Amino acid sequence: MLLHTIVHDLYRTSLRVVVGLAPLLIWYPAWGLADSLWRSVLLSMSPSAPAYRWAYWAWPSVALLGPALVMAAALVLRQTRVVRPLTAFAAVVGMAGAAILTLWPEVHHLIGLRPATPWRDILRLAHLNIGFAGALGLLATALGGQILFGGPLRRSNVKPIERARTDTFGHADWMPMKEATALFGVPSDPRSLGGVVVGEA
């Protein structure tokens, strides 16, 4: 009986860890899928078309939409308490990995040109679209980390109204008469309403 309990607990723990780390397994295929879809869009365009140049320039950035969508979905599910913090953290790590892998080949190539090549010439040889995509990916990673580890999304100077010690019965309040009048209107004869408001007497 004890062995059965131990095995059952290990199974549940392993399953929880696998589900929690799922974004680490998803972000790379999502990155590849976005890259392949945009490649197919480029192949369907004429290289001489004016839009082709911009579409090709945006290719690295568009490819990062895959990991970004995985991270966004994980953060939304975390905000709604559907998944654990580990899942959202794994998604942020995946976004960071995609951004770093986007930048690394270009950085490695440019660093390899030193010290024979001056920095001015290196900057001319750099692919700005890759640098822009990497910066965008790192910015998305920072934003995801802020959402995950920072405070609530509302402004810090905006506090929720709390009229009770617990959330059992909520924190509702009476509607002001001015607002009620604007919402429900004023009858020609107020006495025709009659009755007593429940909870008022």
Protein backbone atom coordinates (compact mmCIF):
# COMPACT_ATOMS: atom_id res chain seq x y z
CA MET A 1 0.00 0.00 0.00
CA LEU A 2 2.84 2.37 0.87
CA LEU A 3 4.67 1.51 -2.36
CA HIS A 4 1.52 2.18 -4.36
CA THR A 5 1.17 5.60 -2.71
CA ILE A 6 4.81 6.48 -3.40
CA VAL A 7 4.53 5.46 -7.05
CA HIS A 8 1.30 7.40 -7.41
CA ASP A 9 2.85 10.53 -5.88
CA LEU A 10 5.92 10.24 -8.10
CA TYR A 11 3.70 9.88 -11.15
CA ARG A 12 1.69 12.98 -10.25
CA THR A 13 4.82 14.98 -9.52
CA SER A 14 6.47 13.93 -12.78
CA LEU A 15 3.33 14.76 -14.75
CA ARG A 16 3.12 18.16 -13.07
CA VAL A 17 6.75 18.91 -13.93
CA VAL A 18 6.31 17.80 -17.56
CA VAL A 19 3.22 19.96 -17.97
CA GLY A 20 4.96 22.85 -16.25
CA LEU A 21 7.95 22.65 -18.59
CA ALA A 22 5.84 22.15 -21.71
CA PRO A 23 6.68 25.61 -23.13
CA LEU A 24 10.35 24.57 -23.21
CA LEU A 25 9.31 21.84 -25.63
CA ILE A 26 6.92 24.03 -27.61
CA TRP A 27 8.78 27.28 -28.20
CA TYR A 28 11.32 25.82 -30.66
CA PRO A 29 8.72 24.11 -32.92
CA ALA A 30 6.64 27.30 -32.74
CA TRP A 31 9.69 29.30 -33.80
CA GLY A 32 10.33 26.92 -36.69
CA LEU A 33 6.67 26.96 -37.73
CA ALA A 34 6.54 30.76 -37.87
CA ASP A 35 9.82 30.76 -39.81
CA SER A 36 8.51 28.20 -42.31
CA LEU A 37 5.21 30.01 -42.79
CA TRP A 38 6.95 33.31 -43.51
CA ARG A 39 9.37 31.56 -45.85
CA SER A 40 6.40 30.24 -47.81
CA VAL A 41 5.03 33.77 -47.99
CA LEU A 42 8.36 35.01 -49.36
CA LEU A 43 8.48 32.22 -51.93
CA SER A 44 5.03 33.19 -53.16
CA MET A 45 6.17 36.78 -53.76
CA SER A 46 8.15 38.11 -56.66
CA PRO A 47 11.71 39.09 -55.66
CA SER A 48 11.35 42.19 -57.80
CA ALA A 49 8.25 43.34 -55.92
CA PRO A 50 8.77 46.33 -53.59
CA ALA A 51 7.06 44.52 -50.71
CA TYR A 52 9.46 41.58 -50.99
CA ARG A 53 12.37 43.60 -49.67
CA TRP A 54 10.44 44.63 -46.54
CA ALA A 55 9.03 41.16 -46.05
CA TYR A 56 12.52 39.67 -46.26
CA TRP A 57 13.86 42.31 -43.83
CA ALA A 58 11.11 41.43 -41.34
CA TRP A 59 11.71 37.67 -41.60
CA PRO A 60 13.71 37.22 -38.33
CA SER A 61 11.24 39.35 -36.39
CA VAL A 62 8.21 37.50 -37.72
CA ALA A 63 9.80 34.15 -36.87
CA LEU A 64 9.94 35.23 -33.22
CA LEU A 65 6.15 35.55 -33.21
CA GLY A 66 5.97 31.81 -32.58
CA PRO A 67 7.76 31.85 -29.19
CA ALA A 68 6.13 35.18 -28.37
CA LEU A 69 2.65 33.71 -28.80
CA VAL A 70 3.61 30.72 -26.64
CA MET A 71 4.86 33.08 -23.94
CA ALA A 72 1.77 35.28 -24.17
CA ALA A 73 -0.55 32.29 -23.88
CA ALA A 74 1.34 30.96 -20.87
CA LEU A 75 1.25 34.36 -19.15
CA VAL A 76 -2.48 34.73 -19.75
CA LEU A 77 -3.10 31.24 -18.37
CA ARG A 78 -0.93 32.13 -15.38
CA GLN A 79 -2.86 35.33 -14.75
CA THR A 80 -6.09 33.30 -14.73
CA ARG A 81 -4.50 30.71 -12.40
CA VAL A 82 -4.90 27.91 -14.97
CA VAL A 83 -1.21 27.00 -14.98
CA ARG A 84 1.52 27.21 -12.37
CA PRO A 85 4.29 29.84 -12.33
CA LEU A 86 6.74 27.22 -13.60
CA THR A 87 4.88 27.02 -16.91
CA ALA A 88 4.95 30.78 -17.45
CA PHE A 89 8.62 30.89 -16.42
CA ALA A 90 9.45 28.17 -18.95
CA ALA A 91 7.67 30.18 -21.66
CA VAL A 92 9.70 33.30 -20.80
CA VAL A 93 12.90 31.24 -20.90
CA GLY A 94 11.86 29.90 -24.30
CA MET A 95 11.34 33.45 -25.58
CA ALA A 96 14.77 34.42 -24.30
CA GLY A 97 16.29 31.37 -25.97
CA ALA A 98 14.74 32.25 -29.32
CA ALA A 99 16.00 35.84 -29.09
CA ILE A 100 19.53 34.74 -28.17
CA LEU A 101 19.64 32.12 -30.91
CA THR A 102 18.50 34.74 -33.39
CA LEU A 103 21.33 37.07 -32.42
CA TRP A 104 24.11 34.58 -31.77
CA PRO A 105 25.11 33.59 -35.36
CA GLU A 106 25.34 37.24 -36.39
CA VAL A 107 27.24 38.27 -33.26
CA HIS A 108 29.62 35.32 -33.61
CA HIS A 109 30.28 36.20 -37.25
CA LEU A 110 30.94 39.88 -36.52
CA ILE A 111 33.17 39.17 -33.53
CA GLY A 112 35.20 36.80 -35.70
CA LEU A 113 36.11 39.76 -37.92
CA ARG A 114 37.99 41.40 -35.08
CA PRO A 115 40.72 42.62 -34.69
CA ALA A 116 41.55 42.73 -38.38
CA THR A 117 38.42 44.69 -39.27
CA PRO A 118 37.63 48.10 -37.72
CA TRP A 119 34.37 48.44 -35.81
CA ARG A 120 33.08 50.94 -38.37
CA ASP A 121 33.36 48.38 -41.15
CA ILE A 122 31.89 45.67 -38.92
CA LEU A 123 28.82 47.81 -38.29
CA ARG A 124 28.43 48.26 -42.04
CA LEU A 125 28.52 44.50 -42.54
CA ALA A 126 26.01 43.83 -39.76
CA HIS A 127 22.50 42.72 -40.70
CA LEU A 128 20.31 45.28 -38.97
CA ASN A 129 17.17 43.20 -39.36
CA ILE A 130 18.70 40.45 -37.23
CA GLY A 131 19.80 42.96 -34.61
CA PHE A 132 16.32 44.50 -34.59
CA ALA A 133 14.70 41.08 -34.24
CA GLY A 134 17.02 40.13 -31.38
CA ALA A 135 16.37 43.41 -29.58
CA LEU A 136 12.64 42.96 -30.06
CA GLY A 137 12.85 39.43 -28.69
CA LEU A 138 14.83 40.52 -25.63
CA LEU A 139 12.35 43.34 -25.04
CA ALA A 140 9.49 40.84 -25.18
CA THR A 141 11.40 38.63 -22.74
CA ALA A 142 11.84 41.54 -20.33
CA LEU A 143 8.16 42.40 -20.60
CA GLY A 144 7.19 38.79 -19.95
CA GLY A 145 9.47 38.66 -16.94
CA GLN A 146 7.98 41.88 -15.60
CA ILE A 147 4.47 40.48 -15.95
CA LEU A 148 5.48 37.21 -14.32
CA PHE A 149 7.62 38.48 -11.45
CA GLY A 150 6.42 42.04 -11.12
CA GLY A 151 3.30 43.41 -9.50
CA PRO A 152 -0.20 43.41 -10.93
CA LEU A 153 -0.79 44.83 -14.39
CA ARG A 154 -2.77 47.77 -12.99
CA ARG A 155 -0.96 50.93 -11.95
CA SER A 156 0.55 50.86 -8.49
CA ASN A 157 -1.40 53.93 -7.36
CA VAL A 158 -4.75 52.32 -8.24
CA LYS A 159 -5.98 50.21 -5.36
CA PRO A 160 -8.98 47.87 -5.55
CA ILE A 161 -11.97 48.80 -3.43
CA GLU A 162 -12.26 46.50 -0.43
CA ARG A 163 -15.25 46.87 1.85
CA ALA A 164 -15.05 43.50 3.56
CA ARG A 165 -12.33 41.46 5.25
CA THR A 166 -12.85 38.55 2.86
CA ASP A 167 -14.14 37.99 -0.68
CA THR A 168 -16.96 35.73 0.49
CA PHE A 169 -19.71 38.29 -0.06
CA GLY A 170 -17.85 40.58 -2.43
CA HIS A 171 -17.12 44.28 -2.14
CA ALA A 172 -20.22 45.78 -3.77
CA ASP A 173 -21.63 49.16 -2.71
CA TRP A 174 -24.82 51.12 -3.21
CA MET A 175 -25.13 52.86 -6.57
CA PRO A 176 -25.26 56.65 -6.17
CA MET A 177 -28.69 58.13 -6.91
CA LYS A 178 -27.25 60.32 -9.64
CA GLU A 179 -25.83 57.28 -11.43
CA ALA A 180 -29.02 55.28 -10.89
CA THR A 181 -31.07 58.14 -12.34
CA ALA A 182 -28.84 58.29 -15.41
CA LEU A 183 -29.05 54.51 -15.83
CA PHE A 184 -32.77 53.87 -15.18
CA GLY A 185 -34.27 57.28 -15.88
CA VAL A 186 -36.79 59.21 -13.83
CA PRO A 187 -40.51 58.26 -14.08
CA SER A 188 -43.10 60.98 -14.49
CA ASP A 189 -44.56 60.04 -11.12
CA PRO A 190 -41.92 58.70 -8.70
CA ARG A 191 -44.71 57.38 -6.45
CA SER A 192 -45.65 54.87 -9.17
CA LEU A 193 -42.53 52.88 -8.39
CA GLY A 194 -43.70 51.93 -4.89
CA GLY A 195 -42.16 49.18 -2.81
CA VAL A 196 -39.03 49.18 -0.73
CA VAL A 197 -35.53 48.42 -1.96
CA VAL A 198 -34.40 45.06 -0.58
CA GLY A 199 -31.71 45.61 2.01
CA GLU A 200 -32.53 49.28 2.49
CA ALA A 201 -35.21 48.97 5.19
